[in-house]
Amino acid sequence: MSLWNPRKPLNQPPAFGRVRAPDATPAYDRAKVIHQAAQFERITQTRKYGIRHEVK
């Protein structure tokens, strides 16, 4: 005996389970560019000096 009849529909709102994509804001885009620039600078310093240095 099961606890739930599989033929009985679930009572969920129509949008249940859907994930909304976050809105891309200018601040988010700007932060993404800044983060990528910092990553690139870390990689270039690693190649130049062989170890990771603090990015200023």
N, C-alpha and C. Protein backbone atom coordinates (compact mmCIF):
# COMPACT_ATOMS: atom_id res chain seq x y z
N MET A 1 0.84 -1.18 0.00
CA MET A 1 0.00 0.00 0.00
C MET A 1 0.89 1.25 0.00
N SER A 2 0.65 2.14 -0.96
CA SER A 2 1.45 3.36 -1.02
C SER A 2 0.72 4.49 -0.31
N LEU A 3 1.47 5.50 0.03
CA LEU A 3 0.90 6.65 0.72
C LEU A 3 0.24 7.63 -0.24
N TRP A 4 0.64 7.59 -1.51
CA TRP A 4 0.13 8.56 -2.47
C TRP A 4 -0.33 7.83 -3.72
N ASN A 5 -1.50 8.16 -4.17
CA ASN A 5 -2.03 7.58 -5.39
C ASN A 5 -1.35 8.26 -6.58
N PRO A 6 -0.57 7.55 -7.42
CA PRO A 6 0.14 8.20 -8.51
C PRO A 6 -0.78 8.76 -9.59
N ARG A 7 -2.03 8.33 -9.64
CA ARG A 7 -2.96 8.86 -10.63
C ARG A 7 -3.61 10.16 -10.17
N LYS A 8 -3.44 10.52 -8.92
CA LYS A 8 -4.02 11.76 -8.41
C LYS A 8 -3.06 12.92 -8.73
N PRO A 9 -3.53 13.99 -9.37
CA PRO A 9 -2.63 15.09 -9.73
C PRO A 9 -2.14 15.83 -8.49
N LEU A 10 -0.93 16.31 -8.59
CA LEU A 10 -0.36 17.09 -7.50
C LEU A 10 -0.94 18.50 -7.53
N ASN A 11 -1.12 19.06 -6.38
CA ASN A 11 -1.64 20.42 -6.27
C ASN A 11 -0.46 21.39 -6.15
N GLN A 12 0.09 21.76 -7.29
CA GLN A 12 1.21 22.69 -7.33
C GLN A 12 0.83 23.87 -8.21
N PRO A 13 1.36 25.05 -7.92
CA PRO A 13 1.09 26.19 -8.79
C PRO A 13 1.68 25.95 -10.18
N PRO A 14 1.18 26.63 -11.21
CA PRO A 14 1.63 26.37 -12.57
C PRO A 14 3.14 26.59 -12.79
N ALA A 15 3.75 27.55 -12.09
CA ALA A 15 5.16 27.85 -12.31
C ALA A 15 6.07 27.09 -11.34
N PHE A 16 5.55 26.11 -10.64
CA PHE A 16 6.35 25.39 -9.66
C PHE A 16 7.48 24.63 -10.34
N GLY A 17 8.70 24.79 -9.84
CA GLY A 17 9.84 24.06 -10.37
C GLY A 17 10.58 24.77 -11.48
N ARG A 18 10.04 25.85 -11.98
CA ARG A 18 10.73 26.60 -13.02
C ARG A 18 11.73 27.54 -12.37
N VAL A 19 12.89 27.63 -12.97
CA VAL A 19 13.93 28.50 -12.45
C VAL A 19 14.04 29.71 -13.36
N ARG A 20 13.92 30.88 -12.77
CA ARG A 20 14.05 32.10 -13.56
C ARG A 20 15.51 32.49 -13.68
N ALA A 21 15.93 32.85 -14.87
CA ALA A 21 17.30 33.30 -15.08
C ALA A 21 17.45 34.70 -14.48
N PRO A 22 18.57 34.95 -13.81
CA PRO A 22 18.75 36.29 -13.24
C PRO A 22 18.91 37.32 -14.35
N ASP A 23 18.42 38.50 -14.10
CA ASP A 23 18.54 39.58 -15.07
C ASP A 23 19.99 40.06 -15.10
N ALA A 24 20.52 40.19 -16.29
CA ALA A 24 21.89 40.68 -16.44
C ALA A 24 21.86 42.20 -16.27
N THR A 25 22.48 42.68 -15.22
CA THR A 25 22.50 44.10 -14.94
C THR A 25 23.86 44.67 -15.34
N PRO A 26 23.94 45.96 -15.58
CA PRO A 26 25.23 46.57 -15.92
C PRO A 26 26.28 46.34 -14.82
N ALA A 27 25.85 46.36 -13.56
CA ALA A 27 26.80 46.14 -12.47
C ALA A 27 27.36 44.73 -12.52
N TYR A 28 26.51 43.76 -12.84
CA TYR A 28 26.97 42.38 -12.97
C TYR A 28 27.95 42.24 -14.12
N ASP A 29 27.63 42.86 -15.26
CA ASP A 29 28.52 42.80 -16.42
C ASP A 29 29.87 43.44 -16.11
N ARG A 30 29.84 44.57 -15.41
CA ARG A 30 31.07 45.27 -15.06
C ARG A 30 31.92 44.43 -14.11
N ALA A 31 31.28 43.78 -13.14
CA ALA A 31 32.00 42.94 -12.20
C ALA A 31 32.60 41.73 -12.91
N LYS A 32 31.91 41.20 -13.88
CA LYS A 32 32.42 40.07 -14.64
C LYS A 32 33.68 40.44 -15.41
N VAL A 33 33.67 41.62 -16.03
CA VAL A 33 34.84 42.09 -16.78
C VAL A 33 36.01 42.32 -15.84
N ILE A 34 35.76 42.90 -14.68
CA ILE A 34 36.83 43.16 -13.71
C ILE A 34 37.42 41.85 -13.21
N HIS A 35 36.57 40.88 -12.95
CA HIS A 35 37.03 39.58 -12.48
C HIS A 35 37.89 38.88 -13.54
N GLN A 36 37.46 38.93 -14.79
CA GLN A 36 38.23 38.31 -15.86
C GLN A 36 39.58 38.99 -16.03
N ALA A 37 39.64 40.32 -15.88
CA ALA A 37 40.90 41.03 -15.99
C ALA A 37 41.85 40.63 -14.87
N ALA A 38 41.34 40.46 -13.66
CA ALA A 38 42.18 40.04 -12.53
C ALA A 38 42.70 38.62 -12.76
N GLN A 39 41.85 37.73 -13.27
CA GLN A 39 42.29 36.38 -13.56
C GLN A 39 43.40 36.39 -14.61
N PHE A 40 43.24 37.19 -15.66
CA PHE A 40 44.24 37.26 -16.71
C PHE A 40 45.56 37.80 -16.17
N GLU A 41 45.47 38.79 -15.28
CA GLU A 41 46.70 39.35 -14.71
C GLU A 41 47.41 38.32 -13.82
N ARG A 42 46.66 37.52 -13.08
CA ARG A 42 47.27 36.46 -12.27
C ARG A 42 47.97 35.44 -13.15
N ILE A 43 47.35 35.07 -14.25
CA ILE A 43 47.95 34.08 -15.15
C ILE A 43 49.23 34.62 -15.75
N THR A 44 49.23 35.89 -16.17
CA THR A 44 50.44 36.46 -16.77
C THR A 44 51.57 36.56 -15.76
N GLN A 45 51.26 36.91 -14.51
CA GLN A 45 52.30 36.97 -13.50
C GLN A 45 52.84 35.59 -13.17
N THR A 46 51.97 34.59 -13.18
CA THR A 46 52.42 33.22 -12.92
C THR A 46 53.38 32.78 -14.01
N ARG A 47 53.05 33.09 -15.26
CA ARG A 47 53.94 32.73 -16.37
C ARG A 47 55.26 33.50 -16.29
N LYS A 48 55.20 34.76 -15.87
CA LYS A 48 56.40 35.59 -15.85
C LYS A 48 57.34 35.22 -14.71
N TYR A 49 56.80 35.02 -13.51
CA TYR A 49 57.63 34.79 -12.34
C TYR A 49 57.66 33.35 -11.88
N GLY A 50 56.75 32.52 -12.34
CA GLY A 50 56.73 31.12 -11.97
C GLY A 50 55.95 30.83 -10.71
N ILE A 51 55.59 31.86 -9.95
CA ILE A 51 54.78 31.69 -8.75
C ILE A 51 53.69 32.75 -8.77
N ARG A 52 52.72 32.57 -7.93
CA ARG A 52 51.65 33.56 -7.87
C ARG A 52 52.05 34.73 -6.98
N HIS A 53 51.86 35.91 -7.47
CA HIS A 53 52.10 37.12 -6.71
C HIS A 53 50.78 37.83 -6.47
N GLU A 54 50.79 38.72 -5.51
CA GLU A 54 49.59 39.48 -5.22
C GLU A 54 49.30 40.45 -6.35
N VAL A 55 48.07 40.46 -6.81
CA VAL A 55 47.67 41.38 -7.87
C VAL A 55 47.20 42.67 -7.22
N LYS A 56 47.82 43.77 -7.62
CA LYS A 56 47.49 45.07 -7.00
C LYS A 56 46.58 45.85 -7.89
